[in-house]
Protein backbone atom coordinates (compact mmCIF):
# COMPACT_ATOMS: atom_id res chain seq x y z
CA MET A 1 34.88 137.82 19.75
CA MET A 2 35.63 134.80 21.93
CA ALA A 3 33.53 134.34 25.02
CA GLN A 4 35.44 134.83 28.26
CA ARG A 5 35.64 131.81 30.59
CA ARG A 6 34.20 132.26 33.97
CA PRO A 7 36.70 131.78 36.80
CA ARG A 8 36.35 128.39 38.55
CA VAL A 9 34.88 128.67 41.97
CA GLU A 10 35.97 126.09 44.60
CA ARG A 11 32.87 124.92 46.37
CA PRO A 12 33.21 124.22 50.11
CA VAL A 13 32.96 120.58 51.19
CA ARG A 14 29.50 119.87 52.43
CA PRO A 15 29.16 119.36 56.20
CA VAL A 16 27.39 116.01 55.67
CA LEU A 17 30.32 114.67 53.67
CA CYS A 18 32.75 115.78 56.39
CA LEU A 19 30.76 113.96 59.04
CA LEU A 20 30.66 110.82 56.91
CA ILE A 21 34.43 110.82 56.41
CA TRP A 22 35.09 111.48 60.13
CA GLY A 23 32.71 108.66 61.06
CA ARG A 24 34.64 106.20 58.89
CA VAL A 25 37.93 107.32 60.44
CA GLN A 26 36.56 106.78 63.94
CA LEU A 27 35.21 103.33 62.99
CA ARG A 28 38.58 102.27 61.61
CA MET A 29 40.37 103.51 64.74
CA LYS A 30 37.97 101.58 67.01
CA THR A 31 38.35 98.41 64.91
CA GLU A 32 42.15 98.56 65.04
CA PHE A 33 42.00 99.18 68.80
CA LEU A 34 39.74 96.17 69.37
CA HIS A 35 42.00 93.96 67.25
CA THR A 36 44.91 95.01 69.45
CA LEU A 37 42.99 94.52 72.70
CA LEU A 38 41.25 91.23 71.86
CA PRO A 39 44.22 88.86 72.49
CA SER A 40 44.67 90.33 75.97
CA LEU A 41 40.99 89.88 76.74
CA VAL A 42 41.12 86.26 75.61
CA LEU A 43 44.12 85.57 77.84
CA LEU A 44 42.32 87.11 80.80
CA ALA A 45 39.26 84.97 80.09
CA VAL A 46 41.10 81.65 79.97
CA ALA A 47 43.76 82.24 82.63
CA PRO A 48 43.05 80.34 85.84
CA MET A 49 42.49 82.76 88.68
CA PRO A 50 42.50 82.05 92.42
CA VAL A 51 39.07 80.89 93.63
CA LEU A 52 39.77 81.40 97.34
CA ALA A 53 40.98 84.83 98.38
CA GLN A 54 41.20 86.31 101.85
CA ASN A 55 37.75 86.80 103.44
CA ASP A 56 36.11 84.64 100.76
CA PRO A 57 33.72 81.88 101.88
CA PRO A 58 35.17 78.35 102.03
CA ILE A 59 35.28 76.19 98.92
CA GLU A 60 33.92 72.68 99.40
CA VAL A 61 33.69 69.31 97.70
CA THR A 62 32.01 66.03 98.64
CA LEU A 63 33.47 62.58 98.02
CA ASP A 64 33.83 59.18 99.67
CA MET A 65 37.43 59.29 100.86
CA ASP A 66 37.32 56.32 103.25
CA LYS A 67 35.19 54.23 100.87
CA ASP A 68 32.53 53.32 103.42
CA GLY A 69 29.64 54.19 101.11
CA ARG A 70 28.94 57.51 102.82
CA MET A 71 29.88 60.88 101.39
CA ASP A 72 32.52 62.94 103.16
CA ARG A 73 33.13 66.68 102.94
CA ALA A 74 36.38 68.61 102.44
CA ALA A 75 36.67 72.37 102.73
CA LEU A 76 39.45 74.91 102.26
CA VAL A 77 39.22 77.95 104.51
CA ARG A 78 41.42 81.03 104.19
CA HIS A 79 42.42 82.76 107.41
CA PRO A 80 40.82 86.21 107.77
CA ASP A 81 43.98 87.71 109.26
CA HIS A 82 46.72 86.14 107.12
CA ALA A 83 47.22 84.34 103.82
CA GLN A 84 47.39 80.69 104.95
CA ALA A 85 44.60 78.26 104.06
CA ASP A 86 43.43 75.36 106.25
CA LEU A 87 42.02 72.06 104.97
CA TYR A 88 39.06 70.61 106.90
CA ILE A 89 37.89 67.02 106.31
CA TYR A 90 34.60 65.78 107.77
CA LEU A 91 33.87 62.07 107.38
CA ALA A 92 30.27 60.96 106.77
CA ALA A 93 29.16 64.60 106.57
CA GLY A 94 28.70 64.96 102.83
CA ASP A 95 24.93 65.34 103.12
CA GLU A 96 25.17 67.99 105.83
CA LYS A 97 25.80 71.71 105.66
CA LEU A 98 29.36 72.77 106.42
CA ASP A 99 29.73 73.71 110.08
CA LEU A 100 33.26 74.82 110.95
CA SER A 101 32.37 74.96 114.64
CA ARG A 102 32.27 71.15 114.62
CA LYS A 103 35.49 69.24 115.18
CA PRO A 104 36.64 67.76 111.85
CA ALA A 105 37.92 64.22 111.44
CA PHE A 106 41.12 65.84 110.17
CA LEU A 107 42.46 69.39 110.08
CA LYS A 108 45.56 70.40 108.16
CA LYS A 109 46.44 73.91 109.24
CA ASP A 110 48.47 76.24 107.03
CA LEU A 111 48.39 73.98 104.00
CA THR A 112 49.54 76.80 101.72
CA ALA A 113 49.74 80.57 101.41
CA GLU A 114 49.57 80.38 97.60
CA GLY A 115 46.49 81.25 95.60
CA ILE A 116 44.02 78.35 95.66
CA LEU A 117 43.13 77.40 92.08
CA SER A 118 40.85 74.41 92.69
CA LEU A 119 39.60 71.75 95.10
CA GLU A 120 38.42 68.63 93.25
CA SER A 121 37.27 65.07 93.76
CA LYS A 122 39.00 62.50 91.57
CA GLY A 123 38.53 58.78 91.07
CA GLY A 124 39.04 56.32 93.90
CA GLY A 125 38.04 58.78 96.59
CA SER A 126 41.08 61.00 96.07
CA LEU A 127 41.07 64.72 96.83
CA VAL A 128 43.15 67.11 94.72
CA VAL A 129 44.16 70.56 95.94
CA THR A 130 45.75 72.84 93.33
CA TYR A 131 47.42 76.12 94.22
CA GLY A 132 49.92 78.51 92.70
CA CYS A 133 49.89 81.50 90.39
CA GLY A 134 47.64 81.16 87.34
CA GLY A 135 47.46 84.05 84.89
CA CYS A 136 50.86 85.41 85.95
CA SER A 137 53.67 86.33 83.59
CA ASN A 138 55.40 83.19 84.88
CA ASP A 139 52.68 80.63 85.65
CA TYR A 140 53.19 77.75 88.05
CA GLU A 141 50.94 75.45 90.00
CA THR A 142 51.23 72.65 92.53
CA SER A 143 48.70 69.83 92.86
CA LEU A 144 48.52 67.57 95.91
CA THR A 145 46.57 64.33 95.63
CA ILE A 146 45.29 63.26 99.05
CA VAL A 147 43.91 59.81 99.87
CA HIS A 148 42.67 57.91 102.93
CA ARG A 149 44.51 54.63 103.52
CA GLY A 150 44.66 52.48 106.65
CA GLY A 151 43.01 55.15 108.78
CA GLU A 152 45.51 57.82 107.68
CA PHE A 153 45.26 60.78 105.31
CA LEU A 154 48.25 60.62 102.97
CA VAL A 155 49.78 62.73 100.22
CA ALA A 156 49.70 60.17 97.42
CA GLY A 157 50.70 62.41 94.54
CA PHE A 158 52.61 65.62 93.86
CA THR A 159 52.60 67.51 90.57
CA TYR A 160 54.42 70.74 89.82
CA ALA A 161 53.77 72.39 86.44
CA TRP A 162 55.19 75.60 85.03
CA ASP A 163 54.80 77.80 81.96
CA THR A 164 57.33 80.62 82.15
CA ARG A 165 59.33 82.80 79.81
CA ALA A 166 62.18 80.32 80.16
CA GLY A 167 60.07 77.32 79.14
CA MET A 168 57.35 74.96 80.26
CA GLY A 169 57.06 71.49 81.73
CA SER A 170 55.91 69.38 84.65
CA CYS A 171 57.21 67.11 87.39
CA ASP A 172 54.90 64.35 88.57
CA ILE A 173 55.48 62.09 91.58
CA ASN A 174 53.25 59.11 92.36
CA TYR A 175 53.99 58.22 95.97
CA LEU A 176 51.82 55.10 95.80
CA THR A 177 53.84 53.53 92.99
CA GLY A 178 57.09 55.13 94.11
CA LYS A 179 57.80 56.50 90.62
CA GLY A 180 58.19 59.95 89.11
CA VAL A 181 58.55 61.54 85.67
CA MET A 182 59.77 64.91 84.41
CA THR A 183 58.58 66.52 81.17
CA GLN A 184 60.05 69.63 79.59
CA GLY A 185 58.59 71.44 76.62
CA LEU A 186 55.15 71.20 75.04
CA ASP A 187 55.76 67.79 73.44
CA GLY A 188 58.85 66.75 75.35
CA PRO A 189 59.29 63.07 76.26
CA ASP A 190 58.75 61.83 79.81
CA LYS A 191 62.01 61.26 81.64
CA ARG A 192 62.05 58.83 84.55
CA ILE A 193 63.18 60.36 87.83
CA LYS A 194 65.70 58.24 89.68
CA GLY A 195 64.88 57.16 93.21
CA ARG A 196 61.92 55.72 95.10
CA PHE A 197 59.17 57.77 96.69
CA THR A 198 56.92 56.77 99.58
CA PRO A 199 53.64 58.34 100.76
CA VAL A 200 53.84 61.22 103.22
CA LYS A 201 51.32 61.68 106.02
CA LEU A 202 49.24 64.76 105.34
CA ALA A 203 49.73 65.81 108.97
CA GLU A 204 53.48 65.97 108.33
CA TRP A 205 53.35 67.61 104.90
CA SER A 206 54.97 71.00 104.31
CA ASP A 207 56.84 72.72 101.50
CA ASP A 208 60.01 71.20 102.94
CA LYS A 209 58.60 67.77 102.07
CA ARG A 210 58.21 68.51 98.38
CA PRO A 211 60.45 66.23 96.31
CA LYS A 212 63.85 67.72 95.57
CA ALA A 213 63.71 66.13 92.12
CA CYS A 214 61.07 68.71 91.17
CA ASP A 215 63.17 71.72 92.19
CA LEU A 216 64.25 73.68 89.15
């Protein structure tokens, strides 16, 4: 007589094995999520953000604008009650603490209502103010180069740069040399802008003074 086979009994999956499988699934989901999120985090990290918002303390820089061997101080101050920013310049006060109650050598009120991206000292005693919208879906920024010549504060340079969905490029005007160039695209050639440009007194500067050649 042949021996009868015992019926096969399906054993339940052990709880430990279930936990192990579920843990691997969760790990894979988290990894895929991080891979999706990482590019956005990198963009946020490198995008230039405004450094002077409403109610923020002034941003300052020291430099020798009038080239007399003594350090001067420039400060951008945002109005507490509206978006405009004022530029204060104190000559021979670079070694002193900023005191806005003192009368500055020069005050440019309402320089811009845009987000302030930087205030920097460049070579030759020039001051560069950069403002615009960094980290936006359509980035743009304006840089004003300010110098002291013949007892006057002048706008010696104007640069407008953009990186938008429609393209990227820059327009650069050197008021001291009277020349300007336009560049479009990442590696596009510089194109000479026709016309002659002359320095503009900082006291008279406004958005209406920006060169029409840089209007897109």
